[in-house]
Amino acid sequence: MKTEEPAIEIINDIYKVILERKKSKSKNSYTVSLFKKGKIAVLKKIAEETAEVILASRDEKKEEIIHEMADLWFHTLVLLGYHAIAPDEVYAELKKRFGKSGLKKVKGK
């Protein structure tokens, strides 16, 4: 069973909404409020959500890990939107790295 396409679709759909919110002047949108506050506010939310993922993992709370990871992914998508970087660019980077060792060979070893 393939789950990649629906997962990519939801990421792309959320990103599209984020870009729409970036242009919006809505006073009732959390995403709009983040863009208005600026990049530092987005970075702070990413740091906060990262810490929450770490704590949920430490406590081995599966549902909390899932919830906090969704928050973290959302806020990283907001950051991508802030910089006008499409998720496709990240997918391409991951594809480029796939199957390659992250460890660099040390000379003589």
PDB file of N, CA and C in Angstrom:
ATOM      1  N   MET A   1       0.844  -1.185   0.000  1.00  0.00           N
ATOM      2  CA  MET A   1       0.000   0.000   0.000  1.00  0.00           C
ATOM      3  C   MET A   1       0.888   1.247   0.000  1.00  0.00           C
ATOM      4  N   LYS A   2       0.631   2.163  -0.918  1.00  0.00           N
ATOM      5  CA  LYS A   2       1.408   3.398  -1.015  1.00  0.00           C
ATOM      6  C   LYS A   2       0.745   4.500  -0.202  1.00  0.00           C
ATOM      7  N   THR A   3       1.528   5.099   0.687  1.00  0.00           N
ATOM      8  CA  THR A   3       1.000   6.211   1.475  1.00  0.00           C
ATOM      9  C   THR A   3       1.708   7.514   1.151  1.00  0.00           C
ATOM     10  N   GLU A   4       2.717   7.462   0.294  1.00  0.00           N
ATOM     11  CA  GLU A   4       3.509   8.656   0.020  1.00  0.00           C
ATOM     12  C   GLU A   4       2.692   9.763  -0.620  1.00  0.00           C
ATOM     13  N   GLU A   5       1.896   9.425  -1.627  1.00  0.00           N
ATOM     14  CA  GLU A   5       1.178  10.458  -2.357  1.00  0.00           C
ATOM     15  C   GLU A   5       0.195  11.226  -1.475  1.00  0.00           C
ATOM     16  N   PRO A   6      -0.661  10.560  -0.691  1.00  0.00           N
ATOM     17  CA  PRO A   6      -1.545  11.335   0.182  1.00  0.00           C
ATOM     18  C   PRO A   6      -0.779  12.182   1.192  1.00  0.00           C
ATOM     19  N   ALA A   7       0.349  11.684   1.699  1.00  0.00           N
ATOM     20  CA  ALA A   7       1.145  12.458   2.657  1.00  0.00           C
ATOM     21  C   ALA A   7       1.704  13.705   1.987  1.00  0.00           C
ATOM     22  N   ILE A   8       2.224  13.553   0.794  1.00  0.00           N
ATOM     23  CA  ILE A   8       2.752  14.703   0.063  1.00  0.00           C
ATOM     24  C   ILE A   8       1.628  15.671  -0.273  1.00  0.00           C
ATOM     25  N   GLU A   9       0.461  15.138  -0.634  1.00  0.00           N
ATOM     26  CA  GLU A   9      -0.674  15.998  -0.976  1.00  0.00           C
ATOM     27  C   GLU A   9      -1.073  16.884   0.198  1.00  0.00           C
ATOM     28  N   ILE A  10      -1.150  16.333   1.397  1.00  0.00           N
ATOM     29  CA  ILE A  10      -1.582  17.139   2.540  1.00  0.00           C
ATOM     30  C   ILE A  10      -0.536  18.203   2.862  1.00  0.00           C
ATOM     31  N   ILE A  11       0.730  17.854   2.753  1.00  0.00           N
ATOM     32  CA  ILE A  11       1.787  18.850   2.971  1.00  0.00           C
ATOM     33  C   ILE A  11       1.645  19.975   1.946  1.00  0.00           C
ATOM     34  N   ASN A  12       1.481  19.604   0.681  1.00  0.00           N
ATOM     35  CA  ASN A  12       1.347  20.609  -0.380  1.00  0.00           C
ATOM     36  C   ASN A  12       0.080  21.444  -0.201  1.00  0.00           C
ATOM     37  N   ASP A  13      -1.025  20.801   0.208  1.00  0.00           N
ATOM     38  CA  ASP A  13      -2.283  21.529   0.418  1.00  0.00           C
ATOM     39  C   ASP A  13      -2.144  22.530   1.567  1.00  0.00           C
ATOM     40  N   ILE A  14      -1.532  22.102   2.652  1.00  0.00           N
ATOM     41  CA  ILE A  14      -1.325  23.007   3.788  1.00  0.00           C
ATOM     42  C   ILE A  14      -0.436  24.176   3.355  1.00  0.00           C
ATOM     43  N   TYR A  15       0.612  23.878   2.608  1.00  0.00           N
ATOM     44  CA  TYR A  15       1.520  24.933   2.144  1.00  0.00           C
ATOM     45  C   TYR A  15       0.777  25.954   1.280  1.00  0.00           C
ATOM     46  N   LYS A  16      -0.105  25.481   0.392  1.00  0.00           N
ATOM     47  CA  LYS A  16      -0.879  26.397  -0.451  1.00  0.00           C
ATOM     48  C   LYS A  16      -1.734  27.340   0.401  1.00  0.00           C
ATOM     49  N   VAL A  17      -2.357  26.785   1.432  1.00  0.00           N
ATOM     50  CA  VAL A  17      -3.170  27.614   2.329  1.00  0.00           C
ATOM     51  C   VAL A  17      -2.285  28.622   3.053  1.00  0.00           C
ATOM     52  N   ILE A  18      -1.116  28.185   3.483  1.00  0.00           N
ATOM     53  CA  ILE A  18      -0.174  29.092   4.153  1.00  0.00           C
ATOM     54  C   ILE A  18       0.182  30.262   3.236  1.00  0.00           C
ATOM     55  N   LEU A  19       0.447  29.971   1.955  1.00  0.00           N
ATOM     56  CA  LEU A  19       0.769  31.046   1.007  1.00  0.00           C
ATOM     57  C   LEU A  19      -0.415  31.988   0.807  1.00  0.00           C
ATOM     58  N   GLU A  20      -1.640  31.442   0.789  1.00  0.00           N
ATOM     59  CA  GLU A  20      -2.833  32.284   0.684  1.00  0.00           C
ATOM     60  C   GLU A  20      -2.949  33.185   1.908  1.00  0.00           C
ATOM     61  N   ARG A  21      -2.677  32.618   3.079  1.00  0.00           N
ATOM     62  CA  ARG A  21      -2.756  33.396   4.318  1.00  0.00           C
ATOM     63  C   ARG A  21      -1.670  34.478   4.356  1.00  0.00           C
ATOM     64  N   LYS A  22      -0.529  34.181   3.742  1.00  0.00           N
ATOM     65  CA  LYS A  22       0.575  35.155   3.707  1.00  0.00           C
ATOM     66  C   LYS A  22       0.127  36.444   3.006  1.00  0.00           C
ATOM     67  N   LYS A  23      -0.738  36.313   2.012  1.00  0.00           N
ATOM     68  CA  LYS A  23      -1.234  37.464   1.255  1.00  0.00           C
ATOM     69  C   LYS A  23      -2.469  38.091   1.913  1.00  0.00           C
ATOM     70  N   SER A  24      -3.075  37.374   2.827  1.00  0.00           N
ATOM     71  CA  SER A  24      -4.339  37.785   3.429  1.00  0.00           C
ATOM     72  C   SER A  24      -4.155  38.858   4.502  1.00  0.00           C
ATOM     73  N   LYS A  25      -5.210  39.586   4.729  1.00  0.00           N
ATOM     74  CA  LYS A  25      -5.227  40.596   5.798  1.00  0.00           C
ATOM     75  C   LYS A  25      -6.199  40.174   6.913  1.00  0.00           C
ATOM     76  N   SER A  26      -6.622  38.920   6.880  1.00  0.00           N
ATOM     77  CA  SER A  26      -7.602  38.421   7.849  1.00  0.00           C
ATOM     78  C   SER A  26      -7.120  38.629   9.279  1.00  0.00           C
ATOM     79  N   LYS A  27      -8.039  39.058  10.125  1.00  0.00           N
ATOM     80  CA  LYS A  27      -7.704  39.255  11.531  1.00  0.00           C
ATOM     81  C   LYS A  27      -7.988  38.006  12.349  1.00  0.00           C
ATOM     82  N   ASN A  28      -8.604  37.005  11.722  1.00  0.00           N
ATOM     83  CA  ASN A  28      -8.997  35.794  12.429  1.00  0.00           C
ATOM     84  C   ASN A  28      -8.123  34.595  12.082  1.00  0.00           C
ATOM     85  N   SER A  29      -6.978  34.825  11.490  1.00  0.00           N
ATOM     86  CA  SER A  29      -6.116  33.729  11.060  1.00  0.00           C
ATOM     87  C   SER A  29      -4.841  33.691  11.900  1.00  0.00           C
ATOM     88  N   TYR A  30      -4.598  32.544  12.498  1.00  0.00           N
ATOM     89  CA  TYR A  30      -3.370  32.338  13.265  1.00  0.00           C
ATOM     90  C   TYR A  30      -2.152  32.510  12.364  1.00  0.00           C
ATOM     91  N   THR A  31      -2.221  31.952  11.160  1.00  0.00           N
ATOM     92  CA  THR A  31      -1.101  32.022  10.232  1.00  0.00           C
ATOM     93  C   THR A  31      -0.809  33.466   9.825  1.00  0.00           C
ATOM     94  N   VAL A  32      -1.858  34.234   9.548  1.00  0.00           N
ATOM     95  CA  VAL A  32      -1.682  35.646   9.219  1.00  0.00           C
ATOM     96  C   VAL A  32      -0.998  36.361  10.378  1.00  0.00           C
ATOM     97  N   SER A  33      -1.430  36.054  11.602  1.00  0.00           N
ATOM     98  CA  SER A  33      -0.828  36.709  12.767  1.00  0.00           C
ATOM     99  C   SER A  33       0.656  36.369  12.888  1.00  0.00           C
ATOM    100  N   LEU A  34       1.032  35.136  12.552  1.00  0.00           N
ATOM    101  CA  LEU A  34       2.451  34.766  12.576  1.00  0.00           C
ATOM    102  C   LEU A  34       3.245  35.570  11.559  1.00  0.00           C
ATOM    103  N   PHE A  35       2.710  35.673  10.341  1.00  0.00           N
ATOM    104  CA  PHE A  35       3.413  36.447   9.313  1.00  0.00           C
ATOM    105  C   PHE A  35       3.538  37.908   9.716  1.00  0.00           C
ATOM    106  N   LYS A  36       2.508  38.449  10.332  1.00  0.00           N
ATOM    107  CA  LYS A  36       2.560  39.854  10.773  1.00  0.00           C
ATOM    108  C   LYS A  36       3.616  40.058  11.855  1.00  0.00           C
ATOM    109  N   LYS A  37       3.777  39.067  12.725  1.00  0.00           N
ATOM    110  CA  LYS A  37       4.769  39.174  13.802  1.00  0.00           C
ATOM    111  C   LYS A  37       6.192  39.052  13.273  1.00  0.00           C
ATOM    112  N   GLY A  38       6.347  38.369  12.131  1.00  0.00           N
ATOM    113  CA  GLY A  38       7.656  38.272  11.503  1.00  0.00           C
ATOM    114  C   GLY A  38       8.372  36.951  11.727  1.00  0.00           C
ATOM    115  N   LYS A  39       9.517  36.876  11.087  1.00  0.00           N
ATOM    116  CA  LYS A  39      10.301  35.640  11.081  1.00  0.00           C
ATOM    117  C   LYS A  39      10.698  35.184  12.482  1.00  0.00           C
ATOM    118  N   ILE A  40      11.064  36.083  13.349  1.00  0.00           N
ATOM    119  CA  ILE A  40      11.502  35.698  14.695  1.00  0.00           C
ATOM    120  C   ILE A  40      10.373  34.972  15.435  1.00  0.00           C
ATOM    121  N   ALA A  41       9.141  35.438  15.257  1.00  0.00           N
ATOM    122  CA  ALA A  41       7.995  34.771  15.895  1.00  0.00           C
ATOM    123  C   ALA A  41       7.831  33.347  15.369  1.00  0.00           C
ATOM    124  N   VAL A  42       8.024  33.186  14.069  1.00  0.00           N
ATOM    125  CA  VAL A  42       7.930  31.846  13.473  1.00  0.00           C
ATOM    126  C   VAL A  42       9.046  30.956  14.016  1.00  0.00           C
ATOM    127  N   LEU A  43      10.248  31.486  14.078  1.00  0.00           N
ATOM    128  CA  LEU A  43      11.385  30.719  14.602  1.00  0.00           C
ATOM    129  C   LEU A  43      11.162  30.324  16.058  1.00  0.00           C
ATOM    130  N   LYS A  44      10.593  31.226  16.846  1.00  0.00           N
ATOM    131  CA  LYS A  44      10.297  30.907  18.248  1.00  0.00           C
ATOM    132  C   LYS A  44       9.282  29.780  18.350  1.00  0.00           C
ATOM    133  N   LYS A  45       8.270  29.795  17.467  1.00  0.00           N
ATOM    134  CA  LYS A  45       7.269  28.716  17.484  1.00  0.00           C
ATOM    135  C   LYS A  45       7.915  27.386  17.105  1.00  0.00           C
ATOM    136  N   ILE A  46       8.827  27.406  16.156  1.00  0.00           N
ATOM    137  CA  ILE A  46       9.519  26.171  15.768  1.00  0.00           C
ATOM    138  C   ILE A  46      10.346  25.657  16.948  1.00  0.00           C
ATOM    139  N   ALA A  47      11.032  26.541  17.636  1.00  0.00           N
ATOM    140  CA  ALA A  47      11.817  26.132  18.808  1.00  0.00           C
ATOM    141  C   ALA A  47      10.904  25.557  19.885  1.00  0.00           C
ATOM    142  N   GLU A  48       9.780  26.216  20.124  1.00  0.00           N
ATOM    143  CA  GLU A  48       8.824  25.750  21.134  1.00  0.00           C
ATOM    144  C   GLU A  48       8.276  24.369  20.780  1.00  0.00           C
ATOM    145  N   GLU A  49       7.869  24.207  19.524  1.00  0.00           N
ATOM    146  CA  GLU A  49       7.300  22.919  19.102  1.00  0.00           C
ATOM    147  C   GLU A  49       8.358  21.821  19.112  1.00  0.00           C
ATOM    148  N   THR A  50       9.587  22.154  18.767  1.00  0.00           N
ATOM    149  CA  THR A  50      10.681  21.178  18.824  1.00  0.00           C
ATOM    150  C   THR A  50      10.869  20.681  20.252  1.00  0.00           C
ATOM    151  N   ALA A  51      10.870  21.597  21.193  1.00  0.00           N
ATOM    152  CA  ALA A  51      11.009  21.218  22.608  1.00  0.00           C
ATOM    153  C   ALA A  51       9.853  20.323  23.038  1.00  0.00           C
ATOM    154  N   GLU A  52       8.648  20.620  22.570  1.00  0.00           N
ATOM    155  CA  GLU A  52       7.484  19.813  22.943  1.00  0.00           C
ATOM    156  C   GLU A  52       7.561  18.407  22.352  1.00  0.00           C
ATOM    157  N   VAL A  53       8.098  18.291  21.141  1.00  0.00           N
ATOM    158  CA  VAL A  53       8.309  16.962  20.544  1.00  0.00           C
ATOM    159  C   VAL A  53       9.319  16.187  21.383  1.00  0.00           C
ATOM    160  N   ILE A  54      10.386  16.840  21.764  1.00  0.00           N
ATOM    161  CA  ILE A  54      11.435  16.192  22.565  1.00  0.00           C
ATOM    162  C   ILE A  54      10.873  15.707  23.895  1.00  0.00           C
ATOM    163  N   LEU A  55      10.096  16.541  24.560  1.00  0.00           N
ATOM    164  CA  LEU A  55       9.529  16.150  25.850  1.00  0.00           C
ATOM    165  C   LEU A  55       8.525  15.012  25.708  1.00  0.00           C
ATOM    166  N   ALA A  56       7.708  15.061  24.674  1.00  0.00           N
ATOM    167  CA  ALA A  56       6.751  13.979  24.439  1.00  0.00           C
ATOM    168  C   ALA A  56       7.474  12.664  24.159  1.00  0.00           C
ATOM    169  N   SER A  57       8.563  12.740  23.405  1.00  0.00           N
ATOM    170  CA  SER A  57       9.358  11.551  23.114  1.00  0.00           C
ATOM    171  C   SER A  57      10.017  11.016  24.374  1.00  0.00           C
ATOM    172  N   ARG A  58      10.574  11.916  25.159  1.00  0.00           N
ATOM    173  CA  ARG A  58      11.203  11.515  26.416  1.00  0.00           C
ATOM    174  C   ARG A  58      10.211  10.752  27.292  1.00  0.00           C
ATOM    175  N   ASP A  59       8.982  11.247  27.327  1.00  0.00           N
ATOM    176  CA  ASP A  59       7.947  10.639  28.158  1.00  0.00           C
ATOM    177  C   ASP A  59       7.245   9.472  27.474  1.00  0.00           C
ATOM    178  N   GLU A  60       7.666   9.168  26.239  1.00  0.00           N
ATOM    179  CA  GLU A  60       7.133   8.056  25.449  1.00  0.00           C
ATOM    180  C   GLU A  60       5.616   8.111  25.311  1.00  0.00           C
ATOM    181  N   LYS A  61       5.104   9.298  25.007  1.00  0.00           N
ATOM    182  CA  LYS A  61       3.673   9.516  24.822  1.00  0.00           C
ATOM    183  C   LYS A  61       3.378   9.615  23.327  1.00  0.00           C
ATOM    184  N   LYS A  62       3.029   8.474  22.740  1.00  0.00           N
ATOM    185  CA  LYS A  62       2.855   8.388  21.292  1.00  0.00           C
ATOM    186  C   LYS A  62       1.889   9.437  20.737  1.00  0.00           C
ATOM    187  N   GLU A  63       0.702   9.547  21.307  1.00  0.00           N
ATOM    188  CA  GLU A  63      -0.288  10.497  20.787  1.00  0.00           C
ATOM    189  C   GLU A  63       0.211  11.940  20.893  1.00  0.00           C
ATOM    190  N   GLU A  64       0.916  12.231  21.975  1.00  0.00           N
ATOM    191  CA  GLU A  64       1.474  13.569  22.163  1.00  0.00           C
ATOM    192  C   GLU A  64       2.595  13.828  21.151  1.00  0.00           C
ATOM    193  N   ILE A  65       3.409  12.816  20.889  1.00  0.00           N
ATOM    194  CA  ILE A  65       4.467  12.958  19.879  1.00  0.00           C
ATOM    195  C   ILE A  65       3.840  13.300  18.530  1.00  0.00           C
ATOM    196  N   ILE A  66       2.799  12.565  18.163  1.00  0.00           N
ATOM    197  CA  ILE A  66       2.125  12.802  16.876  1.00  0.00           C
ATOM    198  C   ILE A  66       1.557  14.218  16.826  1.00  0.00           C
ATOM    199  N   HIS A  67       0.884  14.628  17.882  1.00  0.00           N
ATOM    200  CA  HIS A  67       0.279  15.961  17.949  1.00  0.00           C
ATOM    201  C   HIS A  67       1.348  17.057  17.832  1.00  0.00           C
ATOM    202  N   GLU A  68       2.399  16.926  18.611  1.00  0.00           N
ATOM    203  CA  GLU A  68       3.453  17.947  18.605  1.00  0.00           C
ATOM    204  C   GLU A  68       4.243  17.943  17.302  1.00  0.00           C
ATOM    205  N   MET A  69       4.430  16.768  16.716  1.00  0.00           N
ATOM    206  CA  MET A  69       5.130  16.694  15.429  1.00  0.00           C
ATOM    207  C   MET A  69       4.311  17.388  14.337  1.00  0.00           C
ATOM    208  N   ALA A  70       2.994  17.224  14.382  1.00  0.00           N
ATOM    209  CA  ALA A  70       2.134  17.929  13.420  1.00  0.00           C
ATOM    210  C   ALA A  70       2.281  19.437  13.589  1.00  0.00           C
ATOM    211  N   ASP A  71       2.323  19.901  14.842  1.00  0.00           N
ATOM    212  CA  ASP A  71       2.547  21.332  15.096  1.00  0.00           C
ATOM    213  C   ASP A  71       3.898  21.785  14.546  1.00  0.00           C
ATOM    214  N   LEU A  72       4.918  20.967  14.776  1.00  0.00           N
ATOM    215  CA  LEU A  72       6.269  21.309  14.300  1.00  0.00           C
ATOM    216  C   LEU A  72       6.299  21.367  12.779  1.00  0.00           C
ATOM    217  N   TRP A  73       5.726  20.378  12.122  1.00  0.00           N
ATOM    218  CA  TRP A  73       5.705  20.384  10.658  1.00  0.00           C
ATOM    219  C   TRP A  73       4.962  21.604  10.137  1.00  0.00           C
ATOM    220  N   PHE A  74       3.819  21.931  10.756  1.00  0.00           N
ATOM    221  CA  PHE A  74       3.056  23.098  10.318  1.00  0.00           C
ATOM    222  C   PHE A  74       3.916  24.358  10.393  1.00  0.00           C
ATOM    223  N   HIS A  75       4.561  24.552  11.522  1.00  0.00           N
ATOM    224  CA  HIS A  75       5.353  25.775  11.695  1.00  0.00           C
ATOM    225  C   HIS A  75       6.574  25.812  10.771  1.00  0.00           C
ATOM    226  N   THR A  76       7.141  24.646  10.464  1.00  0.00           N
ATOM    227  CA  THR A  76       8.241  24.645   9.493  1.00  0.00           C
ATOM    228  C   THR A  76       7.716  24.972   8.095  1.00  0.00           C
ATOM    229  N   LEU A  77       6.488  24.566   7.797  1.00  0.00           N
ATOM    230  CA  LEU A  77       5.885  24.952   6.518  1.00  0.00           C
ATOM    231  C   LEU A  77       5.640  26.461   6.465  1.00  0.00           C
ATOM    232  N   VAL A  78       5.259  27.052   7.587  1.00  0.00           N
ATOM    233  CA  VAL A  78       5.105  28.504   7.643  1.00  0.00           C
ATOM    234  C   VAL A  78       6.451  29.172   7.354  1.00  0.00           C
ATOM    235  N   LEU A  79       7.518  28.640   7.933  1.00  0.00           N
ATOM    236  CA  LEU A  79       8.848  29.196   7.677  1.00  0.00           C
ATOM    237  C   LEU A  79       9.230  29.064   6.204  1.00  0.00           C
ATOM    238  N   LEU A  80       8.934  27.916   5.608  1.00  0.00           N
ATOM    239  CA  LEU A  80       9.189  27.767   4.171  1.00  0.00           C
ATOM    240  C   LEU A  80       8.404  28.818   3.391  1.00  0.00           C
ATOM    241  N   GLY A  81       7.141  29.013   3.770  1.00  0.00           N
ATOM    242  CA  GLY A  81       6.321  30.022   3.108  1.00  0.00           C
ATOM    243  C   GLY A  81       6.882  31.416   3.285  1.00  0.00           C
ATOM    244  N   TYR A  82       7.399  31.697   4.448  1.00  0.00           N
ATOM    245  CA  TYR A  82       8.017  33.001   4.718  1.00  0.00           C
ATOM    246  C   TYR A  82       9.143  33.267   3.722  1.00  0.00           C
ATOM    247  N   HIS A  83       9.919  32.223   3.434  1.00  0.00           N
ATOM    248  CA  HIS A  83      11.061  32.346   2.523  1.00  0.00           C
ATOM    249  C   HIS A  83      10.713  32.009   1.069  1.00  0.00           C
ATOM    250  N   ALA A  84       9.441  31.721   0.809  1.00  0.00           N
ATOM    251  CA  ALA A  84       8.982  31.339  -0.535  1.00  0.00           C
ATOM    252  C   ALA A  84       9.741  30.116  -1.065  1.00  0.00           C
ATOM    253  N   ILE A  85       9.939  29.145  -0.189  1.00  0.00           N
ATOM    254  CA  ILE A  85      10.568  27.876  -0.559  1.00  0.00           C
ATOM    255  C   ILE A  85       9.463  26.829  -0.597  1.00  0.00           C
ATOM    256  N   ALA A  86       9.257  26.234  -1.754  1.00  0.00           N
ATOM    257  CA  ALA A  86       8.206  25.234  -1.913  1.00  0.00           C
ATOM    258  C   ALA A  86       8.638  23.899  -1.308  1.00  0.00           C
ATOM    259  N   PRO A  87       7.685  23.150  -0.766  1.00  0.00           N
ATOM    260  CA  PRO A  87       8.022  21.812  -0.267  1.00  0.00           C
ATOM    261  C   PRO A  87       8.716  20.946  -1.315  1.00  0.00           C
ATOM    262  N   ASP A  88       8.382  21.150  -2.592  1.00  0.00           N
ATOM    263  CA  ASP A  88       9.035  20.384  -3.661  1.00  0.00           C
ATOM    264  C   ASP A  88      10.550  20.539  -3.636  1.00  0.00           C
ATOM    265  N   GLU A  89      11.032  21.701  -3.220  1.00  0.00           N
ATOM    266  CA  GLU A  89      12.473  21.924  -3.145  1.00  0.00           C
ATOM    267  C   GLU A  89      13.093  21.070  -2.031  1.00  0.00           C
ATOM    268  N   VAL A  90      12.357  20.899  -0.954  1.00  0.00           N
ATOM    269  CA  VAL A  90      12.830  20.044   0.141  1.00  0.00           C
ATOM    270  C   VAL A  90      12.746  18.577  -0.285  1.00  0.00           C
ATOM    271  N   TYR A  91      11.650  18.206  -0.963  1.00  0.00           N
ATOM    272  CA  TYR A  91      11.531  16.832  -1.464  1.00  0.00           C
ATOM    273  C   TYR A  91      12.711  16.497  -2.373  1.00  0.00           C
ATOM    274  N   ALA A  92      13.064  17.433  -3.269  1.00  0.00           N
ATOM    275  CA  ALA A  92      14.178  17.207  -4.198  1.00  0.00           C
ATOM    276  C   ALA A  92      15.489  17.011  -3.436  1.00  0.00           C
ATOM    277  N   GLU A  93      15.697  17.795  -2.385  1.00  0.00           N
ATOM    278  CA  GLU A  93      16.923  17.652  -1.574  1.00  0.00           C
ATOM    279  C   GLU A  93      16.952  16.298  -0.878  1.00  0.00           C
ATOM    280  N   LEU A  94      15.822  15.883  -0.337  1.00  0.00           N
ATOM    281  CA  LEU A  94      15.757  14.564   0.312  1.00  0.00           C
ATOM    282  C   LEU A  94      16.007  13.445  -0.697  1.00  0.00           C
ATOM    283  N   LYS A  95      15.422  13.586  -1.884  1.00  0.00           N
ATOM    284  CA  LYS A  95      15.622  12.579  -2.932  1.00  0.00           C
ATOM    285  C   LYS A  95      17.093  12.491  -3.322  1.00  0.00           C
ATOM    286  N   LYS A  96      17.740  13.648  -3.404  1.00  0.00           N
ATOM    287  CA  LYS A  96      19.165  13.702  -3.751  1.00  0.00           C
ATOM    288  C   LYS A  96      20.002  12.963  -2.705  1.00  0.00           C
ATOM    289  N   ARG A  97      19.605  13.070  -1.451  1.00  0.00           N
ATOM    290  CA  ARG A  97      20.354  12.443  -0.356  1.00  0.00           C
ATOM    291  C   ARG A  97      20.008  10.977  -0.133  1.00  0.00           C
ATOM    292  N   PHE A  98      18.847  10.557  -0.611  1.00  0.00           N
ATOM    293  CA  PHE A  98      18.359   9.210  -0.334  1.00  0.00           C
ATOM    294  C   PHE A  98      19.339   8.147  -0.829  1.00  0.00           C
ATOM    295  N   GLY A  99      19.642   7.211   0.045  1.00  0.00           N
ATOM    296  CA  GLY A  99      20.521   6.114  -0.308  1.00  0.00           C
ATOM    297  C   GLY A  99      22.004   6.421  -0.151  1.00  0.00           C
ATOM    298  N   LYS A 100      22.315   7.637   0.282  1.00  0.00           N
ATOM    299  CA  LYS A 100      23.710   8.007   0.494  1.00  0.00           C
ATOM    300  C   LYS A 100      23.983   8.049   1.994  1.00  0.00           C
ATOM    301  N   SER A 101      25.150   7.639   2.359  1.00  0.00           N
ATOM    302  CA  SER A 101      25.530   7.657   3.767  1.00  0.00           C
ATOM    303  C   SER A 101      25.713   9.092   4.228  1.00  0.00           C
ATOM    304  N   GLY A 102      25.259   9.363   5.422  1.00  0.00           N
ATOM    305  CA  GLY A 102      25.468  10.672   6.013  1.00  0.00           C
ATOM    306  C   GLY A 102      26.827  10.791   6.667  1.00  0.00           C
ATOM    307  N   LEU A 103      27.528   9.660   6.742  1.00  0.00           N
ATOM    308  CA  LEU A 103      28.858   9.654   7.347  1.00  0.00           C
ATOM    309  C   LEU A 103      29.888   9.857   6.255  1.00  0.00           C
ATOM    310  N   LYS A 104      30.770  10.820   6.465  1.00  0.00           N
ATOM    311  CA  LYS A 104      31.835  11.051   5.496  1.00  0.00           C
ATOM    312  C   LYS A 104      32.994  10.127   5.822  1.00  0.00           C
ATOM    313  N   LYS A 105      33.622   9.605   4.787  1.00  0.00           N
ATOM    314  CA  LYS A 105      34.770   8.736   4.996  1.00  0.00           C
ATOM    315  C   LYS A 105      35.938   9.524   5.554  1.00  0.00           C
ATOM    316  N   VAL A 106      36.538   8.978   6.560  1.00  0.00           N
ATOM    317  CA  VAL A 106      37.720   9.589   7.160  1.00  0.00           C
ATOM    318  C   VAL A 106      38.925   8.970   6.488  1.00  0.00           C
ATOM    319  N   LYS A 107      39.889   9.810   6.066  1.00  0.00           N
ATOM    320  CA  LYS A 107      41.067   9.309   5.381  1.00  0.00           C
ATOM    321  C   LYS A 107      41.798   8.305   6.273  1.00  0.00           C
ATOM    322  N   GLY A 108      42.177   7.201   5.664  1.00  0.00           N
ATOM    323  CA  GLY A 108      42.941   6.189   6.375  1.00  0.00           C
ATOM    324  C   GLY A 108      42.084   5.208   7.158  1.00  0.00           C
ATOM    325  N   LYS A 109      40.795   5.349   7.085  1.00  0.00           N
ATOM    326  CA  LYS A 109      39.909   4.418   7.820  1.00  0.00           C
ATOM    327  C   LYS A 109      38.945   3.745   6.899  1.00  0.00           C
TER     328      LYS A 109
END
